Amino acid sequence: MPNLFEDDRCYVLGDTELEILGDRDKLAQWRHKGVGPAYYKIGGKVIYRGSDLNAWLAANRVEPSRDSTR
């Protein structure tokens, strides 16, 4: 799968591309719990690097089991 985010771009809250991860409140919850993608906090501004977002997405990929019994 190609990267969903541009590796060399910085994304800030309010960028529509971030909505694929969740809304502003969801991203804030993840930052508070320490479970979301890596970010920078400069002053009061939250900045996500595209490469960090892509790495986080890849690490959270779920591979369904072909042998699932339900």
PDB file of N, CA and C in Angstrom:
ATOM      1  N   MET A   1       0.847  -1.184   0.000  1.00  0.00           N
ATOM      2  CA  MET A   1       0.000   0.000   0.000  1.00  0.00           C
ATOM      3  C   MET A   1       0.889   1.243   0.000  1.00  0.00           C
ATOM      4  N   PRO A   2       0.578   2.180  -0.828  1.00  0.00           N
ATOM      5  CA  PRO A   2       1.356   3.422  -0.822  1.00  0.00           C
ATOM      6  C   PRO A   2       1.088   4.208   0.469  1.00  0.00           C
ATOM      7  N   ASN A   3       2.010   5.093   0.790  1.00  0.00           N
ATOM      8  CA  ASN A   3       1.829   5.933   1.981  1.00  0.00           C
ATOM      9  C   ASN A   3       0.586   6.796   1.838  1.00  0.00           C
ATOM     10  N   LEU A   4      -0.131   6.937   2.931  1.00  0.00           N
ATOM     11  CA  LEU A   4      -1.317   7.802   2.920  1.00  0.00           C
ATOM     12  C   LEU A   4      -0.938   9.270   3.084  1.00  0.00           C
ATOM     13  N   PHE A   5       0.223   9.511   3.708  1.00  0.00           N
ATOM     14  CA  PHE A   5       0.680  10.877   3.947  1.00  0.00           C
ATOM     15  C   PHE A   5       2.001  11.102   3.220  1.00  0.00           C
ATOM     16  N   GLU A   6       2.257  12.345   2.839  1.00  0.00           N
ATOM     17  CA  GLU A   6       3.525  12.695   2.203  1.00  0.00           C
ATOM     18  C   GLU A   6       4.611  12.689   3.273  1.00  0.00           C
ATOM     19  N   ASP A   7       5.642  11.863   3.079  1.00  0.00           N
ATOM     20  CA  ASP A   7       6.689  11.705   4.083  1.00  0.00           C
ATOM     21  C   ASP A   7       7.383  13.011   4.469  1.00  0.00           C
ATOM     22  N   ASP A   8       7.606  13.874   3.508  1.00  0.00           N
ATOM     23  CA  ASP A   8       8.387  15.085   3.773  1.00  0.00           C
ATOM     24  C   ASP A   8       7.526  16.313   4.083  1.00  0.00           C
ATOM     25  N   ARG A   9       6.282  16.073   4.413  1.00  0.00           N
ATOM     26  CA  ARG A   9       5.371  17.187   4.724  1.00  0.00           C
ATOM     27  C   ARG A   9       5.038  17.192   6.209  1.00  0.00           C
ATOM     28  N   CYS A  10       4.791  18.370   6.744  1.00  0.00           N
ATOM     29  CA  CYS A  10       4.312  18.511   8.118  1.00  0.00           C
ATOM     30  C   CYS A  10       2.823  18.807   8.078  1.00  0.00           C
ATOM     31  N   TYR A  11       2.093  18.179   8.997  1.00  0.00           N
ATOM     32  CA  TYR A  11       0.646  18.348   9.087  1.00  0.00           C
ATOM     33  C   TYR A  11       0.314  18.975  10.434  1.00  0.00           C
ATOM     34  N   VAL A  12      -0.607  19.918  10.413  1.00  0.00           N
ATOM     35  CA  VAL A  12      -1.042  20.573  11.652  1.00  0.00           C
ATOM     36  C   VAL A  12      -2.525  20.317  11.853  1.00  0.00           C
ATOM     37  N   LEU A  13      -2.953  20.440  13.105  1.00  0.00           N
ATOM     38  CA  LEU A  13      -4.371  20.273  13.394  1.00  0.00           C
ATOM     39  C   LEU A  13      -5.181  21.212  12.521  1.00  0.00           C
ATOM     40  N   GLY A  14      -6.217  20.701  11.954  1.00  0.00           N
ATOM     41  CA  GLY A  14      -7.032  21.477  11.035  1.00  0.00           C
ATOM     42  C   GLY A  14      -6.807  21.066   9.592  1.00  0.00           C
ATOM     43  N   ASP A  15      -5.669  20.422   9.308  1.00  0.00           N
ATOM     44  CA  ASP A  15      -5.448  19.905   7.953  1.00  0.00           C
ATOM     45  C   ASP A  15      -6.441  18.777   7.698  1.00  0.00           C
ATOM     46  N   THR A  16      -7.147  18.863   6.601  1.00  0.00           N
ATOM     47  CA  THR A  16      -8.196  17.877   6.327  1.00  0.00           C
ATOM     48  C   THR A  16      -7.648  16.463   6.166  1.00  0.00           C
ATOM     49  N   GLU A  17      -6.383  16.334   5.753  1.00  0.00           N
ATOM     50  CA  GLU A  17      -5.783  15.007   5.593  1.00  0.00           C
ATOM     51  C   GLU A  17      -5.748  14.222   6.908  1.00  0.00           C
ATOM     52  N   LEU A  18      -5.640  14.923   8.030  1.00  0.00           N
ATOM     53  CA  LEU A  18      -5.588  14.250   9.328  1.00  0.00           C
ATOM     54  C   LEU A  18      -6.917  13.607   9.710  1.00  0.00           C
ATOM     55  N   GLU A  19      -7.997  14.013   9.064  1.00  0.00           N
ATOM     56  CA  GLU A  19      -9.315  13.470   9.396  1.00  0.00           C
ATOM     57  C   GLU A  19      -9.416  11.971   9.135  1.00  0.00           C
ATOM     58  N   ILE A  20      -8.511  11.422   8.312  1.00  0.00           N
ATOM     59  CA  ILE A  20      -8.529   9.983   8.069  1.00  0.00           C
ATOM     60  C   ILE A  20      -8.206   9.226   9.367  1.00  0.00           C
ATOM     61  N   LEU A  21      -7.457   9.862  10.271  1.00  0.00           N
ATOM     62  CA  LEU A  21      -7.118   9.248  11.558  1.00  0.00           C
ATOM     63  C   LEU A  21      -8.214   9.447  12.595  1.00  0.00           C
ATOM     64  N   GLY A  22      -8.870  10.561  12.526  1.00  0.00           N
ATOM     65  CA  GLY A  22      -9.912  10.883  13.494  1.00  0.00           C
ATOM     66  C   GLY A  22     -10.056  12.390  13.599  1.00  0.00           C
ATOM     67  N   ASP A  23     -11.033  12.796  14.374  1.00  0.00           N
ATOM     68  CA  ASP A  23     -11.241  14.233  14.517  1.00  0.00           C
ATOM     69  C   ASP A  23     -10.239  14.812  15.528  1.00  0.00           C
ATOM     70  N   ARG A  24     -10.294  16.090  15.708  1.00  0.00           N
ATOM     71  CA  ARG A  24      -9.374  16.819  16.583  1.00  0.00           C
ATOM     72  C   ARG A  24      -9.405  16.272  18.009  1.00  0.00           C
ATOM     73  N   ASP A  25     -10.607  15.931  18.489  1.00  0.00           N
ATOM     74  CA  ASP A  25     -10.749  15.391  19.849  1.00  0.00           C
ATOM     75  C   ASP A  25     -10.086  14.028  19.979  1.00  0.00           C
ATOM     76  N   LYS A  26     -10.231  13.177  18.976  1.00  0.00           N
ATOM     77  CA  LYS A  26      -9.618  11.850  19.009  1.00  0.00           C
ATOM     78  C   LYS A  26      -8.096  11.964  19.051  1.00  0.00           C
ATOM     79  N   LEU A  27      -7.537  12.845  18.215  1.00  0.00           N
ATOM     80  CA  LEU A  27      -6.093  13.044  18.211  1.00  0.00           C
ATOM     81  C   LEU A  27      -5.615  13.565  19.571  1.00  0.00           C
ATOM     82  N   ALA A  28      -6.387  14.458  20.187  1.00  0.00           N
ATOM     83  CA  ALA A  28      -6.035  14.975  21.519  1.00  0.00           C
ATOM     84  C   ALA A  28      -6.073  13.862  22.562  1.00  0.00           C
ATOM     85  N   GLN A  29      -7.068  12.972  22.489  1.00  0.00           N
ATOM     86  CA  GLN A  29      -7.136  11.837  23.420  1.00  0.00           C
ATOM     87  C   GLN A  29      -5.918  10.950  23.267  1.00  0.00           C
ATOM     88  N   TRP A  30      -5.534  10.652  22.027  1.00  0.00           N
ATOM     89  CA  TRP A  30      -4.367   9.810  21.785  1.00  0.00           C
ATOM     90  C   TRP A  30      -3.100  10.458  22.337  1.00  0.00           C
ATOM     91  N   ARG A  31      -2.952  11.776  22.127  1.00  0.00           N
ATOM     92  CA  ARG A  31      -1.759  12.454  22.657  1.00  0.00           C
ATOM     93  C   ARG A  31      -1.742  12.376  24.170  1.00  0.00           C
ATOM     94  N   HIS A  32      -2.886  12.574  24.798  1.00  0.00           N
ATOM     95  CA  HIS A  32      -2.977  12.529  26.254  1.00  0.00           C
ATOM     96  C   HIS A  32      -2.633  11.135  26.789  1.00  0.00           C
ATOM     97  N   LYS A  33      -3.105  10.097  26.099  1.00  0.00           N
ATOM     98  CA  LYS A  33      -2.862   8.714  26.530  1.00  0.00           C
ATOM     99  C   LYS A  33      -1.507   8.183  26.064  1.00  0.00           C
ATOM    100  N   GLY A  34      -0.864   8.890  25.142  1.00  0.00           N
ATOM    101  CA  GLY A  34       0.427   8.452  24.620  1.00  0.00           C
ATOM    102  C   GLY A  34       0.338   7.270  23.680  1.00  0.00           C
ATOM    103  N   VAL A  35      -0.786   7.140  22.957  1.00  0.00           N
ATOM    104  CA  VAL A  35      -0.974   5.983  22.082  1.00  0.00           C
ATOM    105  C   VAL A  35      -1.036   6.334  20.597  1.00  0.00           C
ATOM    106  N   GLY A  36      -1.039   7.570  20.250  1.00  0.00           N
ATOM    107  CA  GLY A  36      -1.170   7.951  18.846  1.00  0.00           C
ATOM    108  C   GLY A  36       0.180   8.106  18.175  1.00  0.00           C
ATOM    109  N   PRO A  37       0.170   8.674  16.988  1.00  0.00           N
ATOM    110  CA  PRO A  37       1.420   8.885  16.259  1.00  0.00           C
ATOM    111  C   PRO A  37       2.306   9.928  16.947  1.00  0.00           C
ATOM    112  N   ALA A  38       3.610   9.844  16.670  1.00  0.00           N
ATOM    113  CA  ALA A  38       4.560  10.821  17.209  1.00  0.00           C
ATOM    114  C   ALA A  38       4.209  12.217  16.697  1.00  0.00           C
ATOM    115  N   TYR A  39       4.510  13.209  17.515  1.00  0.00           N
ATOM    116  CA  TYR A  39       4.203  14.591  17.144  1.00  0.00           C
ATOM    117  C   TYR A  39       5.195  15.528  17.802  1.00  0.00           C
ATOM    118  N   TYR A  40       5.219  16.743  17.324  1.00  0.00           N
ATOM    119  CA  TYR A  40       5.994  17.815  17.927  1.00  0.00           C
ATOM    120  C   TYR A  40       5.016  18.798  18.536  1.00  0.00           C
ATOM    121  N   LYS A  41       5.389  19.387  19.663  1.00  0.00           N
ATOM    122  CA  LYS A  41       4.587  20.457  20.244  1.00  0.00           C
ATOM    123  C   LYS A  41       5.505  21.670  20.336  1.00  0.00           C
ATOM    124  N   ILE A  42       5.229  22.638  19.506  1.00  0.00           N
ATOM    125  CA  ILE A  42       6.040  23.846  19.446  1.00  0.00           C
ATOM    126  C   ILE A  42       5.138  25.008  19.852  1.00  0.00           C
ATOM    127  N   GLY A  43       5.444  25.584  20.999  1.00  0.00           N
ATOM    128  CA  GLY A  43       4.536  26.579  21.552  1.00  0.00           C
ATOM    129  C   GLY A  43       3.241  25.870  21.869  1.00  0.00           C
ATOM    130  N   GLY A  44       2.151  26.329  21.345  1.00  0.00           N
ATOM    131  CA  GLY A  44       0.869  25.660  21.534  1.00  0.00           C
ATOM    132  C   GLY A  44       0.431  24.878  20.309  1.00  0.00           C
ATOM    133  N   LYS A  45       1.321  24.750  19.331  1.00  0.00           N
ATOM    134  CA  LYS A  45       0.965  24.124  18.059  1.00  0.00           C
ATOM    135  C   LYS A  45       1.430  22.673  18.015  1.00  0.00           C
ATOM    136  N   VAL A  46       0.553  21.771  17.559  1.00  0.00           N
ATOM    137  CA  VAL A  46       0.867  20.358  17.393  1.00  0.00           C
ATOM    138  C   VAL A  46       1.175  20.105  15.925  1.00  0.00           C
ATOM    139  N   ILE A  47       2.305  19.471  15.662  1.00  0.00           N
ATOM    140  CA  ILE A  47       2.751  19.210  14.290  1.00  0.00           C
ATOM    141  C   ILE A  47       3.069  17.729  14.148  1.00  0.00           C
ATOM    142  N   TYR A  48       2.530  17.125  13.101  1.00  0.00           N
ATOM    143  CA  TYR A  48       2.805  15.726  12.779  1.00  0.00           C
ATOM    144  C   TYR A  48       3.629  15.680  11.497  1.00  0.00           C
ATOM    145  N   ARG A  49       4.707  14.884  11.488  1.00  0.00           N
ATOM    146  CA  ARG A  49       5.460  14.650  10.250  1.00  0.00           C
ATOM    147  C   ARG A  49       4.789  13.527   9.487  1.00  0.00           C
ATOM    148  N   GLY A  50       4.708  13.665   8.190  1.00  0.00           N
ATOM    149  CA  GLY A  50       4.095  12.635   7.362  1.00  0.00           C
ATOM    150  C   GLY A  50       4.752  11.282   7.533  1.00  0.00           C
ATOM    151  N   SER A  51       6.071  11.263   7.632  1.00  0.00           N
ATOM    152  CA  SER A  51       6.787   9.987   7.795  1.00  0.00           C
ATOM    153  C   SER A  51       6.415   9.315   9.117  1.00  0.00           C
ATOM    154  N   ASP A  52       6.200  10.102  10.174  1.00  0.00           N
ATOM    155  CA  ASP A  52       5.770   9.538  11.461  1.00  0.00           C
ATOM    156  C   ASP A  52       4.353   8.981  11.369  1.00  0.00           C
ATOM    157  N   LEU A  53       3.490   9.676  10.655  1.00  0.00           N
ATOM    158  CA  LEU A  53       2.116   9.196  10.488  1.00  0.00           C
ATOM    159  C   LEU A  53       2.099   7.886   9.711  1.00  0.00           C
ATOM    160  N   ASN A  54       2.875   7.809   8.638  1.00  0.00           N
ATOM    161  CA  ASN A  54       2.936   6.576   7.851  1.00  0.00           C
ATOM    162  C   ASN A  54       3.515   5.422   8.666  1.00  0.00           C
ATOM    163  N   ALA A  55       4.540   5.695   9.469  1.00  0.00           N
ATOM    164  CA  ALA A  55       5.138   4.651  10.309  1.00  0.00           C
ATOM    165  C   ALA A  55       4.141   4.159  11.344  1.00  0.00           C
ATOM    166  N   TRP A  56       3.403   5.067  11.939  1.00  0.00           N
ATOM    167  CA  TRP A  56       2.407   4.688  12.944  1.00  0.00           C
ATOM    168  C   TRP A  56       1.294   3.848  12.323  1.00  0.00           C
ATOM    169  N   LEU A  57       0.847   4.254  11.147  1.00  0.00           N
ATOM    170  CA  LEU A  57      -0.183   3.479  10.453  1.00  0.00           C
ATOM    171  C   LEU A  57       0.316   2.072  10.135  1.00  0.00           C
ATOM    172  N   ALA A  58       1.549   1.958   9.656  1.00  0.00           N
ATOM    173  CA  ALA A  58       2.109   0.642   9.320  1.00  0.00           C
ATOM    174  C   ALA A  58       2.222  -0.232  10.569  1.00  0.00           C
ATOM    175  N   ALA A  59       2.605   0.363  11.691  1.00  0.00           N
ATOM    176  CA  ALA A  59       2.749  -0.398  12.944  1.00  0.00           C
ATOM    177  C   ALA A  59       1.401  -0.855  13.490  1.00  0.00           C
ATOM    178  N   ASN A  60       0.332  -0.185  13.107  1.00  0.00           N
ATOM    179  CA  ASN A  60      -0.999  -0.527  13.612  1.00  0.00           C
ATOM    180  C   ASN A  60      -1.840  -1.290  12.596  1.00  0.00           C
ATOM    181  N   ARG A  61      -1.180  -1.787  11.564  1.00  0.00           N
ATOM    182  CA  ARG A  61      -1.863  -2.573  10.533  1.00  0.00           C
ATOM    183  C   ARG A  61      -2.309  -3.897  11.147  1.00  0.00           C
ATOM    184  N   VAL A  62      -3.523  -4.294  10.826  1.00  0.00           N
ATOM    185  CA  VAL A  62      -4.075  -5.559  11.314  1.00  0.00           C
ATOM    186  C   VAL A  62      -4.187  -6.521  10.146  1.00  0.00           C
ATOM    187  N   GLU A  63      -3.597  -7.685  10.294  1.00  0.00           N
ATOM    188  CA  GLU A  63      -3.667  -8.728   9.272  1.00  0.00           C
ATOM    189  C   GLU A  63      -4.677  -9.765   9.753  1.00  0.00           C
ATOM    190  N   PRO A  64      -5.859  -9.809   9.144  1.00  0.00           N
ATOM    191  CA  PRO A  64      -6.866 -10.780   9.583  1.00  0.00           C
ATOM    192  C   PRO A  64      -6.355 -12.207   9.383  1.00  0.00           C
ATOM    193  N   SER A  65      -6.690 -13.042  10.324  1.00  0.00           N
ATOM    194  CA  SER A  65      -6.283 -14.435  10.240  1.00  0.00           C
ATOM    195  C   SER A  65      -7.168 -15.179   9.256  1.00  0.00           C
ATOM    196  N   ARG A  66      -6.559 -15.955   8.397  1.00  0.00           N
ATOM    197  CA  ARG A  66      -7.337 -16.781   7.456  1.00  0.00           C
ATOM    198  C   ARG A  66      -7.953 -17.973   8.170  1.00  0.00           C
ATOM    199  N   ASP A  67      -7.441 -18.237   9.354  1.00  0.00           N
ATOM    200  CA  ASP A  67      -7.868 -19.420  10.097  1.00  0.00           C
ATOM    201  C   ASP A  67      -8.799 -19.052  11.247  1.00  0.00           C
ATOM    202  N   SER A  68      -9.521 -17.948  11.102  1.00  0.00           N
ATOM    203  CA  SER A  68     -10.394 -17.524  12.202  1.00  0.00           C
ATOM    204  C   SER A  68     -11.606 -18.445  12.313  1.00  0.00           C
ATOM    205  N   THR A  69     -11.900 -18.819  13.514  1.00  0.00           N
ATOM    206  CA  THR A  69     -13.071 -19.664  13.783  1.00  0.00           C
ATOM    207  C   THR A  69     -14.073 -18.852  14.578  1.00  0.00           C
ATOM    208  N   ARG A  70     -15.237 -18.775  14.078  1.00  0.00           N
ATOM    209  CA  ARG A  70     -16.273 -17.973  14.752  1.00  0.00           C
ATOM    210  C   ARG A  70     -17.470 -18.813  15.047  1.00  0.00           C
TER     211      ARG A  70
END
